[in-house]
Amino acid sequence: MKYLLWGLVLYLGWRWVTASRKTVSSDAADGQSARSGADAQAAEKMVQCARCGIHLPVSEAVSGNDAQLFCCEAHRNAA
């Protein structure tokens, strides 16, 4: 019984060490892929619709009178 208990302790210790190694190596790989993804996709300025207040990227905004920005044609026409 004593040997079974020691075997279990050794097995659990081995599993803990190998799991922590995998976590460290996967964290390093995730950090590298996150950095390359952030470099590839630049952040875009966000603007607010003058009618409903929703935030959207400036490239998707529809411009109206007095340099106001809207989320769609319907909101621009309503204003």
Protein backbone atom coordinates (compact mmCIF):
# COMPACT_ATOMS: atom_id res chain seq x y z
CA MET A 1 0.00 0.00 0.00
CA LYS A 2 2.89 2.32 0.82
CA TYR A 3 4.40 1.83 -2.66
CA LEU A 4 1.07 2.54 -4.33
CA LEU A 5 0.81 5.84 -2.47
CA TRP A 6 4.37 6.85 -3.46
CA GLY A 7 3.66 5.88 -7.06
CA LEU A 8 0.57 8.07 -7.06
CA VAL A 9 2.50 11.02 -5.60
CA LEU A 10 5.25 10.64 -8.21
CA TYR A 11 2.74 10.32 -11.04
CA LEU A 12 0.83 13.45 -9.97
CA GLY A 13 4.08 15.38 -9.60
CA TRP A 14 5.18 14.34 -13.09
CA ARG A 15 1.81 15.40 -14.55
CA TRP A 16 2.01 18.77 -12.79
CA VAL A 17 5.53 19.47 -14.12
CA THR A 18 4.66 18.52 -17.72
CA ALA A 19 1.43 20.54 -17.62
CA SER A 20 3.26 23.64 -16.39
CA ARG A 21 5.82 23.28 -19.20
CA LYS A 22 3.06 23.12 -21.79
CA THR A 23 1.40 26.20 -20.31
CA VAL A 24 4.62 28.23 -20.42
CA SER A 25 5.37 27.24 -24.02
CA SER A 26 1.81 27.89 -25.21
CA ASP A 27 1.75 31.30 -23.46
CA ALA A 28 4.91 32.29 -25.32
CA ALA A 29 3.43 31.17 -28.64
CA ASP A 30 0.18 33.05 -27.96
CA GLY A 31 2.09 36.22 -27.14
CA GLN A 32 4.00 36.07 -30.42
CA SER A 33 0.86 35.47 -32.51
CA ALA A 34 -1.03 38.25 -30.71
CA ARG A 35 1.75 40.73 -31.42
CA SER A 36 1.89 39.84 -35.11
CA GLY A 37 -1.91 40.08 -35.38
CA ALA A 38 -1.93 43.51 -33.76
CA ASP A 39 0.74 44.73 -36.15
CA ALA A 40 -1.17 43.43 -39.16
CA GLN A 41 -4.43 45.11 -38.20
CA ALA A 42 -4.05 48.78 -37.31
CA ALA A 43 -6.52 50.36 -34.92
CA GLU A 44 -9.12 52.54 -36.57
CA LYS A 45 -10.69 55.69 -35.13
CA MET A 46 -14.19 55.20 -33.75
CA VAL A 47 -16.93 57.81 -34.18
CA GLN A 48 -20.43 58.20 -32.77
CA CYS A 49 -23.64 58.42 -34.80
CA ALA A 50 -25.20 61.87 -34.37
CA ARG A 51 -28.72 60.37 -34.26
CA CYS A 52 -28.64 57.12 -32.26
CA GLY A 53 -25.27 57.38 -30.51
CA ILE A 54 -23.87 54.03 -31.66
CA HIS A 55 -20.08 53.85 -32.07
CA LEU A 56 -18.66 52.63 -35.38
CA PRO A 57 -15.39 52.80 -37.34
CA VAL A 58 -14.89 56.03 -39.25
CA SER A 59 -14.59 54.08 -42.52
CA GLU A 60 -18.18 52.81 -42.13
CA ALA A 61 -19.68 56.17 -41.15
CA VAL A 62 -21.89 58.20 -43.48
CA SER A 63 -21.17 61.92 -43.46
CA GLY A 64 -23.95 64.46 -43.34
CA ASN A 65 -24.40 68.22 -42.99
CA ASP A 66 -22.15 70.22 -40.67
CA ALA A 67 -19.54 67.43 -40.64
CA GLN A 68 -21.86 65.16 -38.65
CA LEU A 69 -21.39 61.40 -38.95
CA PHE A 70 -24.15 58.81 -39.04
CA CYS A 71 -24.30 55.02 -38.95
CA CYS A 72 -26.61 54.66 -41.97
CA GLU A 73 -28.38 56.59 -44.74
CA ALA A 74 -31.71 56.46 -42.89
CA HIS A 75 -30.31 58.30 -39.89
CA ARG A 76 -28.64 60.87 -42.13
CA ASN A 77 -31.93 61.49 -43.97
CA ALA A 78 -33.87 61.72 -40.68
CA ALA A 79 -31.55 64.42 -39.37
